[in-house]
Amino acid sequence: MKNQKEKGTGMAIGIAIGTAIGIATDNLGLWIAIGVALGAGIGSRMAKKKSE
C-alpha cells in the first residue's frame, strides 16, 4: 500500500511539471504525456528508495 502512495505522488509531480511546460510551449498534449512518463519514473524511484 505504501508503494501506491509514492507512485501516486510521483505521478502528480510529473503531471504538474508536464502541464506547466505544456502551457509554456503551447503543446499541452505532448508534455502531459511526457509528464506522466516522468512521474511514473519518479514514483517508482521514490517507492524503491523508501523500501531500502
Protein backbone atom coordinates (compact mmCIF):
# COMPACT_ATOMS: atom_id res chain seq x y z
CA MET A 1 0.00 0.00 0.00
CA LYS A 2 2.85 2.39 0.76
CA ASN A 3 4.28 1.92 -2.74
CA GLN A 4 0.99 3.09 -4.21
CA LYS A 5 1.21 6.36 -2.29
CA GLU A 6 4.71 7.13 -3.54
CA LYS A 7 3.77 6.23 -7.11
CA GLY A 8 0.73 8.50 -6.92
CA THR A 9 2.82 11.35 -5.57
CA GLY A 10 5.36 10.88 -8.35
CA MET A 11 2.62 10.87 -10.98
CA ALA A 12 1.15 14.09 -9.57
CA ILE A 13 4.57 15.76 -9.65
CA GLY A 14 5.16 14.61 -13.23
CA ILE A 15 1.76 15.76 -14.44
CA ALA A 16 2.22 19.15 -12.77
CA ILE A 17 5.62 19.64 -14.40
CA GLY A 18 4.32 18.42 -17.77
CA THR A 19 1.32 20.74 -17.60
CA ALA A 20 3.46 23.76 -16.75
CA ILE A 21 5.88 23.10 -19.61
CA GLY A 22 2.99 22.27 -21.96
CA ILE A 23 1.26 25.56 -21.26
CA ALA A 24 4.52 27.47 -21.68
CA THR A 25 5.33 25.81 -25.02
CA ASP A 26 1.71 25.64 -26.24
CA ASN A 27 1.97 21.87 -26.71
CA LEU A 28 -0.06 20.58 -23.79
CA GLY A 29 -0.85 17.09 -25.11
CA LEU A 30 2.78 16.15 -25.67
CA TRP A 31 4.03 17.46 -22.34
CA ILE A 32 1.26 15.90 -20.26
CA ALA A 33 2.22 12.53 -21.76
CA ILE A 34 5.90 13.18 -21.04
CA GLY A 35 4.96 14.32 -17.52
CA VAL A 36 3.06 11.07 -16.89
CA ALA A 37 6.07 9.05 -18.03
CA LEU A 38 8.45 11.08 -15.88
CA GLY A 39 6.04 10.87 -12.96
CA ALA A 40 5.94 7.09 -13.21
CA GLY A 41 9.73 7.03 -13.05
CA ILE A 42 9.83 9.47 -10.14
CA GLY A 43 7.19 7.49 -8.24
CA SER A 44 8.95 4.22 -8.84
CA ARG A 45 12.23 5.67 -7.64
CA MET A 46 10.57 7.14 -4.54
CA ALA A 47 8.98 3.78 -3.71
CA LYS A 48 12.28 1.94 -4.18
CA LYS A 49 14.19 4.45 -2.07
CA LYS A 50 11.58 4.26 0.70
CA SER A 51 11.73 0.46 0.85
CA GLU A 52 15.53 0.41 1.25
